[in-house]
Amino acid sequence: MRTFLIGLVIVVLALALRMAFVVAPAAGTFADLEETGLAGCEALTIAPGTEDVTIHPVTGLALVSTAERRGGDSAGNAIWSFDPADPQASLTRLTDAPEDFVPHGISLLVREGAPDRLFVVNHPRAGGHRIEIFEFDAEGALTHVDSITYPELSSPNDVLAVGPRSFYATNDRRYAEGLASQIEAFFGLPLSGVSYFDGEAGRIAADGLIYANGINMSADGRFIYVAEFLGRRVNVYRRAADGSLERVDRIAVHTGADNIEIGPEGDLWIGAHPDVFAFLDHLEDPGAIAPSEVVRVDPETGTVTRELVALNGQIDASSVAAASEDNLIVGAVFDDHVLICPR
């Protein structure tokens, strides 16, 4: 009995220490923020859940993934495009999506001599998960060409295209539902990771992450960047020719990192959630404010710069920040708009 009690005390102390040094900081309990970076920003209404945005490096068009995540009307679930120079007039809903389409993370593969491809995480309401692949032509039309699923695609959040039919996808949880899922999230357990699909089959490429979220790649293809939402950091992996990943660095960003976009200078632009508890309140109550934060990371030096903070509902629960030379476009998990801000 004495041994059992000692063991129980050790477990309780371990949980208390994890709550104090991992969970509380991850939740933004100690965050101290002031608004910044909002001068000149304008809202563009699109559809509920502007969760991911990417900017075409050649045409400058912005592509936006939208989905209603509170269980409401799904009529706005789509991929959209607009020209940041004239957003209202150019906003276009792109067609040819699968019938049961609940898009999440997106990744654009730019190809020479062939149509570009857009990879999209899809969570069909009928169940399961898929990566949808679209061809994106010079006129800006999407044509659906493939749907891919495999056992390791268990809880996908974001996707990174690396070939015509090959990609990485983050799994934000090991346990998708039930008590195990709640325990994993509440205690910030390092059980999530990254899967890799080589065009024929999938496998786990990285694990041991605390709610893996956004993923992207350096311009030369040598390094893969993976955000940990609850870990509040970015993992840097060296990519081998066979797709395997070797972690070479971890960069603390001190905020709940969501999607990662690569800016024109090679920096990482991250939409983030500085206060997880406020985010959860906003999930249940659309009127509750969830602070938004955008940070820029220099992957060479690890320098983290706070670029934007919104505390008064200008945009709630920011999930992505896509930067061009002229603009910064901020999307959100639930809001029906993006912010377009001058750089």
Foldseek 3Di string as FASTA:
>chain_A
DVVVVVVVVVVVVVLVVLCVPFQCLLQLVPPDDDFDQCPFKDKDFQFWFQQDWAADPPPRKIKTAHAADLPDDGPRGAIWIARLVDRVVGIDTADADDPQFGWAAKEWADDPPAFIKIWTWGAGPVGDIWIWIWGQHPVGHTHTDDIDDAPVPDAFHYWYDDDNQKIKTWRQAPDPDDPVRVVCLNSQFFATAMWIDPNDHIDTQTGRARRWAAWYAFPVRQWIWIFGQSRQWIWIWGADPVGHTDTDDIAHQSFRWHHWYQEPVRKTKTKTFSRNVQVVVCSVPVVGAGKIWIWIADVVPSDIHTNGIDGDPPPGAWHDWYDYQFWIWITHRTDSIIMIGGD
